[in-house]
């Protein structure tokens, strides 16, 4: 039934001469590559708690996705049925195993967490975020790289992570002294997960003399995603212990946040390839993703705190002149 659904979408794509394919590819690419910049900007400039909640939910979700995906080891639809022909460049960008959908489990925690945080005050943003979740999930079916169960389970795990992280944040708001224990638990889980995906057995199916799926290549995303979660825990400890950054909704801070967004984009685009060349596919990906999340959570907030002047504290002479005017 799932393959028939993908064939139906494939026939529809062909019938409209792939008119929607570029849009669906853009939706998918944005979710896993650049979407993280949005909660980063919120964290730096608007609402630290909301940004931190979204980033924490995202990092927990992608780590869970990596463990589940590399445990299930479900082959992609076109491996299961040769009639499936993925659209556009999807077959080259859809790395890893199929179940559950990593794109859905990236989009759901970020869009979903933002929807939760804005539901009471800015409901139109919440609705837009929910639409983006649905579009991202559907795009994976439309492009022929995931089955319906891939995206539905990814969606379900994402929603469970959003709920679980909301419960955790409420608990930590009442017991802030417990946060270090939670961060240590996250680091231990991450290290254990890296060991697990490194030593567990994987399917070694051949077509002729060619390995159908190379598990070493499939572990790349797992190392990167789990490494990012560990780096988040470390960065959060550094930030809350020594940096203690608080966002200010000022022109200077917004400008610094925009600079940070550009720098994050630059890091995403440039550091992975040289680090993979230097450290290998697995550890290079882990290191690159760790640098990106460390930059977002700790490094750039430290820079902003050091260089952005607090506009609410005018110099004494200026303040006196304003008072005498």
C-alpha atoms as a PDB file:
ATOM      1  CA  UNK A   1       0.000   0.000   0.000  1.00  0.00           C
ATOM      2  CA  UNK A   2       2.808   2.442   0.848  1.00  0.00           C
ATOM      3  CA  UNK A   3       4.576   1.762  -2.453  1.00  0.00           C
ATOM      4  CA  UNK A   4       1.321   2.251  -4.367  1.00  0.00           C
ATOM      5  CA  UNK A   5       0.910   5.651  -2.706  1.00  0.00           C
ATOM      6  CA  UNK A   6       4.427   6.686  -3.745  1.00  0.00           C
ATOM      7  CA  UNK A   7       3.746   5.478  -7.298  1.00  0.00           C
ATOM      8  CA  UNK A   8       0.559   7.565  -7.333  1.00  0.00           C
ATOM      9  CA  UNK A   9       2.554  10.652  -6.335  1.00  0.00           C
ATOM     10  CA  UNK A  10       5.220   9.761  -8.897  1.00  0.00           C
ATOM     11  CA  UNK A  11       2.625   9.581 -11.666  1.00  0.00           C
ATOM     12  CA  UNK A  12       1.235  12.929 -10.524  1.00  0.00           C
ATOM     13  CA  UNK A  13       4.728  14.471 -10.636  1.00  0.00           C
ATOM     14  CA  UNK A  14       5.273  13.175 -14.119  1.00  0.00           C
ATOM     15  CA  UNK A  15       1.838  14.363 -15.202  1.00  0.00           C
ATOM     16  CA  UNK A  16       2.637  17.966 -14.273  1.00  0.00           C
ATOM     17  CA  UNK A  17       6.186  17.710 -15.643  1.00  0.00           C
ATOM     18  CA  UNK A  18       7.749  18.027 -12.134  1.00  0.00           C
ATOM     19  CA  UNK A  19       6.441  21.575 -11.775  1.00  0.00           C
ATOM     20  CA  UNK A  20       6.283  21.285  -7.961  1.00  0.00           C
ATOM     21  CA  UNK A  21       9.533  19.364  -7.523  1.00  0.00           C
ATOM     22  CA  UNK A  22      11.837  22.406  -7.019  1.00  0.00           C
ATOM     23  CA  UNK A  23       9.481  23.765  -4.349  1.00  0.00           C
ATOM     24  CA  UNK A  24       9.362  20.427  -2.516  1.00  0.00           C
ATOM     25  CA  UNK A  25      13.151  20.134  -2.696  1.00  0.00           C
ATOM     26  CA  UNK A  26      13.498  23.646  -1.275  1.00  0.00           C
ATOM     27  CA  UNK A  27      11.129  22.846   1.619  1.00  0.00           C
ATOM     28  CA  UNK A  28      13.122  19.702   2.440  1.00  0.00           C
ATOM     29  CA  UNK A  29      16.542  21.336   2.117  1.00  0.00           C
ATOM     30  CA  UNK A  30      15.615  24.319   4.280  1.00  0.00           C
ATOM     31  CA  UNK A  31      14.343  22.075   7.098  1.00  0.00           C
ATOM     32  CA  UNK A  32      17.576  20.111   7.560  1.00  0.00           C
ATOM     33  CA  UNK A  33      20.131  22.736   6.575  1.00  0.00           C
ATOM     34  CA  UNK A  34      19.113  26.290   7.457  1.00  0.00           C
ATOM     35  CA  UNK A  35      16.039  26.105   9.706  1.00  0.00           C
ATOM     36  CA  UNK A  36      18.192  26.013  12.847  1.00  0.00           C
ATOM     37  CA  UNK A  37      19.140  29.650  12.185  1.00  0.00           C
ATOM     38  CA  UNK A  38      15.587  30.723  13.126  1.00  0.00           C
ATOM     39  CA  UNK A  39      15.619  29.506  16.770  1.00  0.00           C
ATOM     40  CA  UNK A  40      19.225  30.676  17.024  1.00  0.00           C
ATOM     41  CA  UNK A  41      18.135  34.239  16.202  1.00  0.00           C
ATOM     42  CA  UNK A  42      15.238  33.979  18.670  1.00  0.00           C
ATOM     43  CA  UNK A  43      17.692  32.787  21.340  1.00  0.00           C
ATOM     44  CA  UNK A  44      20.097  35.662  20.672  1.00  0.00           C
ATOM     45  CA  UNK A  45      17.690  38.556  20.197  1.00  0.00           C
ATOM     46  CA  UNK A  46      14.108  37.935  21.279  1.00  0.00           C
ATOM     47  CA  UNK A  47      13.380  35.288  23.918  1.00  0.00           C
ATOM     48  CA  UNK A  48      16.192  33.195  25.359  1.00  0.00           C
ATOM     49  CA  UNK A  49      13.883  30.659  27.013  1.00  0.00           C
ATOM     50  CA  UNK A  50      11.879  30.051  23.832  1.00  0.00           C
ATOM     51  CA  UNK A  51      15.014  29.786  21.723  1.00  0.00           C
ATOM     52  CA  UNK A  52      16.662  27.443  24.204  1.00  0.00           C
ATOM     53  CA  UNK A  53      13.550  25.255  24.383  1.00  0.00           C
ATOM     54  CA  UNK A  54      13.422  24.989  20.598  1.00  0.00           C
ATOM     55  CA  UNK A  55      17.138  24.227  20.270  1.00  0.00           C
ATOM     56  CA  UNK A  56      16.993  21.635  23.074  1.00  0.00           C
ATOM     57  CA  UNK A  57      13.978  19.943  21.500  1.00  0.00           C
ATOM     58  CA  UNK A  58      15.671  19.879  18.110  1.00  0.00           C
ATOM     59  CA  UNK A  59      18.909  18.375  19.429  1.00  0.00           C
ATOM     60  CA  UNK A  60      17.118  15.705  21.462  1.00  0.00           C
ATOM     61  CA  UNK A  61      14.937  14.786  18.498  1.00  0.00           C
ATOM     62  CA  UNK A  62      17.715  14.385  15.935  1.00  0.00           C
ATOM     63  CA  UNK A  63      19.734  12.237  18.356  1.00  0.00           C
ATOM     64  CA  UNK A  64      16.727   9.987  18.918  1.00  0.00           C
ATOM     65  CA  UNK A  65      16.183   9.811  15.157  1.00  0.00           C
ATOM     66  CA  UNK A  66      19.790   8.707  14.620  1.00  0.00           C
ATOM     67  CA  UNK A  67      19.537   5.868  17.154  1.00  0.00           C
ATOM     68  CA  UNK A  68      16.164   4.648  15.863  1.00  0.00           C
ATOM     69  CA  UNK A  69      17.171   4.895  12.198  1.00  0.00           C
ATOM     70  CA  UNK A  70      20.449   3.035  12.650  1.00  0.00           C
ATOM     71  CA  UNK A  71      18.683   0.387  14.727  1.00  0.00           C
ATOM     72  CA  UNK A  72      15.839  -0.238  12.260  1.00  0.00           C
ATOM     73  CA  UNK A  73      18.068  -0.096   9.130  1.00  0.00           C
ATOM     74  CA  UNK A  74      15.086   0.132   6.769  1.00  0.00           C
ATOM     75  CA  UNK A  75      16.055   0.497   3.125  1.00  0.00           C
ATOM     76  CA  UNK A  76      14.877   3.385   0.987  1.00  0.00           C
ATOM     77  CA  UNK A  77      11.741   2.945  -1.171  1.00  0.00           C
ATOM     78  CA  UNK A  78      13.658   2.646  -4.466  1.00  0.00           C
ATOM     79  CA  UNK A  79      15.703  -0.199  -3.011  1.00  0.00           C
ATOM     80  CA  UNK A  80      12.559  -1.994  -1.952  1.00  0.00           C
ATOM     81  CA  UNK A  81      10.838  -1.449  -5.315  1.00  0.00           C
ATOM     82  CA  UNK A  82      12.684  -0.512  -8.504  1.00  0.00           C
ATOM     83  CA  UNK A  83       9.567   1.202  -9.876  1.00  0.00           C
ATOM     84  CA  UNK A  84      10.145   4.108  -7.461  1.00  0.00           C
ATOM     85  CA  UNK A  85      12.165   6.846  -9.151  1.00  0.00           C
ATOM     86  CA  UNK A  86      12.915   9.731  -6.747  1.00  0.00           C
ATOM     87  CA  UNK A  87      12.401  13.226  -8.117  1.00  0.00           C
ATOM     88  CA  UNK A  88      15.120  15.751  -8.882  1.00  0.00           C
ATOM     89  CA  UNK A  89      18.273  15.462  -6.792  1.00  0.00           C
ATOM     90  CA  UNK A  90      16.476  13.699  -3.957  1.00  0.00           C
ATOM     91  CA  UNK A  91      18.199  10.373  -4.544  1.00  0.00           C
ATOM     92  CA  UNK A  92      21.633  11.972  -3.981  1.00  0.00           C
ATOM     93  CA  UNK A  93      20.620  14.067  -0.946  1.00  0.00           C
ATOM     94  CA  UNK A  94      18.591  11.328   0.796  1.00  0.00           C
ATOM     95  CA  UNK A  95      21.444   9.690   2.688  1.00  0.00           C
ATOM     96  CA  UNK A  96      21.071   7.117   5.409  1.00  0.00           C
ATOM     97  CA  UNK A  97      18.343   4.585   5.983  1.00  0.00           C
ATOM     98  CA  UNK A  98      14.683   5.393   5.488  1.00  0.00           C
ATOM     99  CA  UNK A  99      12.858   4.899   8.808  1.00  0.00           C
ATOM    100  CA  UNK A 100      11.986   7.271  10.389  1.00  0.00           C
ATOM    101  CA  UNK A 101      12.220  10.408   8.246  1.00  0.00           C
ATOM    102  CA  UNK A 102      15.090  12.591   9.435  1.00  0.00           C
ATOM    103  CA  UNK A 103      13.721  15.644   7.629  1.00  0.00           C
ATOM    104  CA  UNK A 104      10.395  15.256   9.438  1.00  0.00           C
ATOM    105  CA  UNK A 105      12.161  14.751  12.759  1.00  0.00           C
ATOM    106  CA  UNK A 106      14.164  17.925  12.136  1.00  0.00           C
ATOM    107  CA  UNK A 107      11.248  20.086  11.031  1.00  0.00           C
ATOM    108  CA  UNK A 108       8.778  18.901  13.683  1.00  0.00           C
ATOM    109  CA  UNK A 109      10.751  19.881  16.819  1.00  0.00           C
ATOM    110  CA  UNK A 110      11.803  23.294  15.471  1.00  0.00           C
ATOM    111  CA  UNK A 111       8.540  24.352  13.841  1.00  0.00           C
ATOM    112  CA  UNK A 112       6.550  22.548  16.528  1.00  0.00           C
ATOM    113  CA  UNK A 113       8.392  24.074  19.474  1.00  0.00           C
ATOM    114  CA  UNK A 114       8.004  27.536  17.940  1.00  0.00           C
ATOM    115  CA  UNK A 115       4.276  26.825  17.447  1.00  0.00           C
ATOM    116  CA  UNK A 116       3.929  25.880  21.107  1.00  0.00           C
ATOM    117  CA  UNK A 117       5.764  28.987  22.329  1.00  0.00           C
ATOM    118  CA  UNK A 118       3.760  31.401  20.122  1.00  0.00           C
ATOM    119  CA  UNK A 119       0.297  29.812  20.348  1.00  0.00           C
ATOM    120  CA  UNK A 120      -1.152  32.241  22.911  1.00  0.00           C
ATOM    121  CA  UNK A 121       0.374  35.514  21.673  1.00  0.00           C
ATOM    122  CA  UNK A 122       1.056  35.061  17.947  1.00  0.00           C
ATOM    123  CA  UNK A 123      -1.266  32.306  16.789  1.00  0.00           C
ATOM    124  CA  UNK A 124      -0.736  33.068  13.103  1.00  0.00           C
ATOM    125  CA  UNK A 125       2.922  32.113  13.525  1.00  0.00           C
ATOM    126  CA  UNK A 126       1.866  28.872  15.211  1.00  0.00           C
ATOM    127  CA  UNK A 127      -0.456  28.039  12.317  1.00  0.00           C
ATOM    128  CA  UNK A 128       2.285  28.835   9.799  1.00  0.00           C
ATOM    129  CA  UNK A 129       4.700  26.552  11.667  1.00  0.00           C
ATOM    130  CA  UNK A 130       2.176  23.703  11.666  1.00  0.00           C
ATOM    131  CA  UNK A 131       1.692  24.131   7.909  1.00  0.00           C
ATOM    132  CA  UNK A 132       5.475  23.990   7.450  1.00  0.00           C
ATOM    133  CA  UNK A 133       5.635  20.713   9.394  1.00  0.00           C
ATOM    134  CA  UNK A 134       2.953  19.199   7.164  1.00  0.00           C
ATOM    135  CA  UNK A 135       4.653  20.462   3.996  1.00  0.00           C
ATOM    136  CA  UNK A 136       8.047  19.103   5.019  1.00  0.00           C
ATOM    137  CA  UNK A 137       6.609  15.692   5.882  1.00  0.00           C
ATOM    138  CA  UNK A 138       4.602  15.517   2.641  1.00  0.00           C
ATOM    139  CA  UNK A 139       7.583  16.656   0.574  1.00  0.00           C
ATOM    140  CA  UNK A 140       9.468  13.491   1.566  1.00  0.00           C
ATOM    141  CA  UNK A 141       6.656  11.342   0.157  1.00  0.00           C
ATOM    142  CA  UNK A 142       6.237  13.570  -2.863  1.00  0.00           C
ATOM    143  CA  UNK A 143       9.921  13.307  -3.764  1.00  0.00           C
ATOM    144  CA  UNK A 144       9.770   9.529  -3.424  1.00  0.00           C
ATOM    145  CA  UNK A 145      12.426   9.151  -0.709  1.00  0.00           C
ATOM    146  CA  UNK A 146      10.220   8.121   2.237  1.00  0.00           C
ATOM    147  CA  UNK A 147       7.133   6.009   2.766  1.00  0.00           C
ATOM    148  CA  UNK A 148       4.082   7.322   4.675  1.00  0.00           C
ATOM    149  CA  UNK A 149       5.061   5.314   7.751  1.00  0.00           C
ATOM    150  CA  UNK A 150       8.528   6.912   7.690  1.00  0.00           C
ATOM    151  CA  UNK A 151       7.088  10.406   7.980  1.00  0.00           C
ATOM    152  CA  UNK A 152       4.227   9.488  10.339  1.00  0.00           C
ATOM    153  CA  UNK A 153       6.571   7.850  12.846  1.00  0.00           C
ATOM    154  CA  UNK A 154       8.989  10.770  12.465  1.00  0.00           C
ATOM    155  CA  UNK A 155       6.109  13.156  13.135  1.00  0.00           C
ATOM    156  CA  UNK A 156       4.972  11.153  16.157  1.00  0.00           C
ATOM    157  CA  UNK A 157       8.452  10.984  17.681  1.00  0.00           C
ATOM    158  CA  UNK A 158       8.883  14.706  17.071  1.00  0.00           C
ATOM    159  CA  UNK A 159       5.626  15.527  18.853  1.00  0.00           C
ATOM    160  CA  UNK A 160       6.560  13.265  21.775  1.00  0.00           C
ATOM    161  CA  UNK A 161       9.915  15.050  22.048  1.00  0.00           C
ATOM    162  CA  UNK A 162       8.205  18.465  22.044  1.00  0.00           C
ATOM    163  CA  UNK A 163       5.927  17.314  24.861  1.00  0.00           C
ATOM    164  CA  UNK A 164       8.713  15.647  26.819  1.00  0.00           C
ATOM    165  CA  UNK A 165      10.950  18.694  26.571  1.00  0.00           C
ATOM    166  CA  UNK A 166       8.095  20.962  27.698  1.00  0.00           C
ATOM    167  CA  UNK A 167       7.637  18.775  30.790  1.00  0.00           C
ATOM    168  CA  UNK A 168      11.396  18.854  31.435  1.00  0.00           C
ATOM    169  CA  UNK A 169      11.592  22.649  31.077  1.00  0.00           C
ATOM    170  CA  UNK A 170       8.698  23.109  33.522  1.00  0.00           C
ATOM    171  CA  UNK A 171      10.467  20.826  35.996  1.00  0.00           C
ATOM    172  CA  UNK A 172      13.787  22.669  35.612  1.00  0.00           C
ATOM    173  CA  UNK A 173      12.037  26.015  36.078  1.00  0.00           C
ATOM    174  CA  UNK A 174      11.076  24.787  39.563  1.00  0.00           C
ATOM    175  CA  UNK A 175      14.351  22.936  40.192  1.00  0.00           C
ATOM    176  CA  UNK A 176      17.130  24.797  38.341  1.00  0.00           C
ATOM    177  CA  UNK A 177      19.748  23.062  40.475  1.00  0.00           C
ATOM    178  CA  UNK A 178      18.914  19.815  38.621  1.00  0.00           C
ATOM    179  CA  UNK A 179      19.881  21.107  35.185  1.00  0.00           C
ATOM    180  CA  UNK A 180      23.512  19.963  35.428  1.00  0.00           C
ATOM    181  CA  UNK A 181      22.300  16.415  36.091  1.00  0.00           C
ATOM    182  CA  UNK A 182      20.130  16.582  32.970  1.00  0.00           C
ATOM    183  CA  UNK A 183      23.035  17.901  30.899  1.00  0.00           C
ATOM    184  CA  UNK A 184      25.348  15.155  32.164  1.00  0.00           C
ATOM    185  CA  UNK A 185      22.667  12.573  31.339  1.00  0.00           C
ATOM    186  CA  UNK A 186      22.477  13.973  27.812  1.00  0.00           C
ATOM    187  CA  UNK A 187      26.240  13.703  27.377  1.00  0.00           C
ATOM    188  CA  UNK A 188      26.294  10.129  28.713  1.00  0.00           C
ATOM    189  CA  UNK A 189      23.411   9.175  26.411  1.00  0.00           C
ATOM    190  CA  UNK A 190      25.247  10.708  23.465  1.00  0.00           C
ATOM    191  CA  UNK A 191      28.523   8.910  24.154  1.00  0.00           C
ATOM    192  CA  UNK A 192      26.700   5.606  24.686  1.00  0.00           C
ATOM    193  CA  UNK A 193      24.785   6.143  21.431  1.00  0.00           C
ATOM    194  CA  UNK A 194      27.987   6.801  19.460  1.00  0.00           C
ATOM    195  CA  UNK A 195      29.474   3.573  20.826  1.00  0.00           C
ATOM    196  CA  UNK A 196      26.270   1.690  20.078  1.00  0.00           C
ATOM    197  CA  UNK A 197      25.956   2.757  16.434  1.00  0.00           C
ATOM    198  CA  UNK A 198      29.663   2.101  15.938  1.00  0.00           C
ATOM    199  CA  UNK A 199      29.690  -1.518  17.150  1.00  0.00           C
ATOM    200  CA  UNK A 200      26.206  -2.826  16.342  1.00  0.00           C
ATOM    201  CA  UNK A 201      25.775  -5.148  13.334  1.00  0.00           C
ATOM    202  CA  UNK A 202      24.286  -3.798  10.105  1.00  0.00           C
ATOM    203  CA  UNK A 203      22.684  -5.502   7.081  1.00  0.00           C
ATOM    204  CA  UNK A 204      25.320  -6.501   4.538  1.00  0.00           C
ATOM    205  CA  UNK A 205      23.197  -7.261   1.468  1.00  0.00           C
ATOM    206  CA  UNK A 206      24.837  -7.464  -1.939  1.00  0.00           C
ATOM    207  CA  UNK A 207      23.551  -7.062  -5.489  1.00  0.00           C
ATOM    208  CA  UNK A 208      26.099  -9.050  -7.445  1.00  0.00           C
ATOM    209  CA  UNK A 209      29.444  -7.968  -5.989  1.00  0.00           C
ATOM    210  CA  UNK A 210      28.176  -4.529  -4.902  1.00  0.00           C
ATOM    211  CA  UNK A 211      27.130  -3.803  -1.330  1.00  0.00           C
ATOM    212  CA  UNK A 212      23.541  -2.572  -1.436  1.00  0.00           C
ATOM    213  CA  UNK A 213      23.966  -0.054   1.394  1.00  0.00           C
ATOM    214  CA  UNK A 214      27.325   0.761   2.995  1.00  0.00           C
ATOM    215  CA  UNK A 215      26.673   1.121   6.750  1.00  0.00           C
ATOM    216  CA  UNK A 216      29.841   3.193   7.192  1.00  0.00           C
ATOM    217  CA  UNK A 217      28.365   5.898   4.977  1.00  0.00           C
ATOM    218  CA  UNK A 218      25.000   5.562   6.687  1.00  0.00           C
ATOM    219  CA  UNK A 219      26.547   6.275  10.109  1.00  0.00           C
ATOM    220  CA  UNK A 220      27.733   9.726   9.010  1.00  0.00           C
ATOM    221  CA  UNK A 221      24.481  11.497   9.870  1.00  0.00           C
ATOM    222  CA  UNK A 222      24.227   9.551  13.129  1.00  0.00           C
ATOM    223  CA  UNK A 223      27.619  10.762  14.285  1.00  0.00           C
ATOM    224  CA  UNK A 224      26.760  14.316  13.283  1.00  0.00           C
ATOM    225  CA  UNK A 225      23.340  14.407  14.952  1.00  0.00           C
ATOM    226  CA  UNK A 226      24.367  12.700  18.180  1.00  0.00           C
ATOM    227  CA  UNK A 227      27.517  14.830  18.338  1.00  0.00           C
ATOM    228  CA  UNK A 228      25.393  17.954  17.998  1.00  0.00           C
ATOM    229  CA  UNK A 229      23.270  16.926  20.984  1.00  0.00           C
ATOM    230  CA  UNK A 230      26.368  16.320  23.122  1.00  0.00           C
ATOM    231  CA  UNK A 231      27.811  19.670  22.030  1.00  0.00           C
ATOM    232  CA  UNK A 232      24.526  21.358  22.955  1.00  0.00           C
ATOM    233  CA  UNK A 233      24.743  19.988  26.504  1.00  0.00           C
ATOM    234  CA  UNK A 234      28.352  21.166  26.847  1.00  0.00           C
ATOM    235  CA  UNK A 235      27.576  24.581  25.338  1.00  0.00           C
ATOM    236  CA  UNK A 236      24.562  25.073  27.574  1.00  0.00           C
ATOM    237  CA  UNK A 237      26.671  24.332  30.667  1.00  0.00           C
ATOM    238  CA  UNK A 238      29.328  26.824  29.537  1.00  0.00           C
ATOM    239  CA  UNK A 239      26.763  29.497  28.748  1.00  0.00           C
ATOM    240  CA  UNK A 240      24.760  29.223  31.971  1.00  0.00           C
ATOM    241  CA  UNK A 241      27.865  28.952  34.168  1.00  0.00           C
ATOM    242  CA  UNK A 242      30.149  31.652  32.765  1.00  0.00           C
ATOM    243  CA  UNK A 243      28.489  33.637  29.980  1.00  0.00           C
ATOM    244  CA  UNK A 244      24.980  34.146  31.424  1.00  0.00           C
ATOM    245  CA  UNK A 245      23.746  35.864  28.300  1.00  0.00           C
ATOM    246  CA  UNK A 246      20.427  37.711  28.246  1.00  0.00           C
ATOM    247  CA  UNK A 247      18.993  38.983  24.938  1.00  0.00           C
ATOM    248  CA  UNK A 248      18.116  42.651  24.536  1.00  0.00           C
ATOM    249  CA  UNK A 249      15.542  43.742  21.985  1.00  0.00           C
ATOM    250  CA  UNK A 250      17.587  46.686  20.720  1.00  0.00           C
ATOM    251  CA  UNK A 251      18.781  47.776  17.298  1.00  0.00           C
ATOM    252  CA  UNK A 252      22.376  46.940  18.140  1.00  0.00           C
ATOM    253  CA  UNK A 253      21.471  43.494  19.421  1.00  0.00           C
ATOM    254  CA  UNK A 254      19.250  42.756  16.426  1.00  0.00           C
ATOM    255  CA  UNK A 255      22.091  43.793  14.120  1.00  0.00           C
ATOM    256  CA  UNK A 256      24.479  41.502  15.997  1.00  0.00           C
ATOM    257  CA  UNK A 257      21.927  38.710  15.733  1.00  0.00           C
ATOM    258  CA  UNK A 258      21.742  39.172  11.965  1.00  0.00           C
ATOM    259  CA  UNK A 259      25.530  39.010  11.769  1.00  0.00           C
ATOM    260  CA  UNK A 260      25.393  35.801  13.809  1.00  0.00           C
ATOM    261  CA  UNK A 261      22.801  34.360  11.419  1.00  0.00           C
ATOM    262  CA  UNK A 262      25.068  35.120   8.451  1.00  0.00           C
ATOM    263  CA  UNK A 263      28.051  33.552  10.228  1.00  0.00           C
ATOM    264  CA  UNK A 264      25.981  30.467  11.082  1.00  0.00           C
ATOM    265  CA  UNK A 265      25.004  30.156   7.416  1.00  0.00           C
ATOM    266  CA  UNK A 266      28.684  30.479   6.485  1.00  0.00           C
ATOM    267  CA  UNK A 267      29.660  27.738   8.959  1.00  0.00           C
ATOM    268  CA  UNK A 268      26.949  25.419   7.662  1.00  0.00           C
ATOM    269  CA  UNK A 269      28.114  25.948   4.094  1.00  0.00           C
ATOM    270  CA  UNK A 270      31.886  25.779   4.555  1.00  0.00           C
ATOM    271  CA  UNK A 271      33.252  23.752   7.464  1.00  0.00           C
ATOM    272  CA  UNK A 272      31.936  20.253   6.839  1.00  0.00           C
ATOM    273  CA  UNK A 273      33.946  19.335   3.762  1.00  0.00           C
ATOM    274  CA  UNK A 274      37.410  20.356   5.067  1.00  0.00           C
ATOM    275  CA  UNK A 275      36.769  18.728   8.450  1.00  0.00           C
ATOM    276  CA  UNK A 276      35.657  15.504   6.782  1.00  0.00           C
ATOM    277  CA  UNK A 277      38.798  15.568   4.664  1.00  0.00           C
ATOM    278  CA  UNK A 278      40.894  16.098   7.781  1.00  0.00           C
ATOM    279  CA  UNK A 279      39.163  13.839  10.311  1.00  0.00           C
ATOM    280  CA  UNK A 280      37.249  11.349   8.178  1.00  0.00           C
ATOM    281  CA  UNK A 281      33.558  11.085   7.328  1.00  0.00           C
ATOM    282  CA  UNK A 282      32.273  10.243  10.813  1.00  0.00           C
ATOM    283  CA  UNK A 283      34.406  12.384  13.114  1.00  0.00           C
ATOM    284  CA  UNK A 284      34.577  15.229  10.604  1.00  0.00           C
ATOM    285  CA  UNK A 285      30.773  15.428  10.487  1.00  0.00           C
ATOM    286  CA  UNK A 286      30.550  15.188  14.284  1.00  0.00           C
ATOM    287  CA  UNK A 287      33.136  17.952  14.737  1.00  0.00           C
ATOM    288  CA  UNK A 288      31.521  20.262  12.170  1.00  0.00           C
ATOM    289  CA  UNK A 289      28.043  19.906  13.695  1.00  0.00           C
ATOM    290  CA  UNK A 290      29.471  20.377  17.195  1.00  0.00           C
ATOM    291  CA  UNK A 291      31.173  23.629  16.162  1.00  0.00           C
ATOM    292  CA  UNK A 292      27.915  24.944  14.678  1.00  0.00           C
ATOM    293  CA  UNK A 293      25.888  24.275  17.837  1.00  0.00           C
ATOM    294  CA  UNK A 294      28.677  25.561  20.112  1.00  0.00           C
ATOM    295  CA  UNK A 295      28.723  28.762  18.052  1.00  0.00           C
ATOM    296  CA  UNK A 296      24.958  29.187  18.404  1.00  0.00           C
ATOM    297  CA  UNK A 297      24.572  28.379  22.102  1.00  0.00           C
ATOM    298  CA  UNK A 298      27.794  29.708  23.656  1.00  0.00           C
ATOM    299  CA  UNK A 299      30.296  31.418  21.353  1.00  0.00           C
ATOM    300  CA  UNK A 300      28.118  34.027  19.659  1.00  0.00           C
ATOM    301  CA  UNK A 301      26.198  34.927  22.856  1.00  0.00           C
ATOM    302  CA  UNK A 302      29.580  35.544  24.522  1.00  0.00           C
ATOM    303  CA  UNK A 303      30.613  37.802  21.634  1.00  0.00           C
ATOM    304  CA  UNK A 304      27.302  39.680  21.711  1.00  0.00           C
ATOM    305  CA  UNK A 305      27.526  40.217  25.465  1.00  0.00           C
ATOM    306  CA  UNK A 306      31.066  41.551  25.121  1.00  0.00           C
ATOM    307  CA  UNK A 307      30.599  43.919  22.190  1.00  0.00           C
ATOM    308  CA  UNK A 308      26.975  45.074  22.161  1.00  0.00           C
ATOM    309  CA  UNK A 309      26.437  48.150  24.335  1.00  0.00           C
ATOM    310  CA  UNK A 310      23.385  48.146  26.601  1.00  0.00           C
ATOM    311  CA  UNK A 311      21.334  51.016  25.159  1.00  0.00           C
ATOM    312  CA  UNK A 312      19.264  51.193  28.334  1.00  0.00           C
ATOM    313  CA  UNK A 313      22.346  52.485  30.193  1.00  0.00           C
ATOM    314  CA  UNK A 314      23.212  55.829  28.690  1.00  0.00           C
ATOM    315  CA  UNK A 315      26.476  57.543  29.733  1.00  0.00           C
ATOM    316  CA  UNK A 316      26.102  59.750  32.793  1.00  0.00           C
ATOM    317  CA  UNK A 317      26.798  62.992  30.937  1.00  0.00           C
ATOM    318  CA  UNK A 318      24.358  62.180  28.180  1.00  0.00           C
ATOM    319  CA  UNK A 319      21.691  61.142  30.684  1.00  0.00           C
ATOM    320  CA  UNK A 320      22.151  64.394  32.657  1.00  0.00           C
ATOM    321  CA  UNK A 321      21.890  66.471  29.497  1.00  0.00           C
ATOM    322  CA  UNK A 322      18.693  64.663  28.542  1.00  0.00           C
ATOM    323  CA  UNK A 323      17.247  65.267  32.004  1.00  0.00           C
ATOM    324  CA  UNK A 324      18.087  69.024  31.853  1.00  0.00           C
ATOM    325  CA  UNK A 325      16.650  69.449  28.366  1.00  0.00           C
END
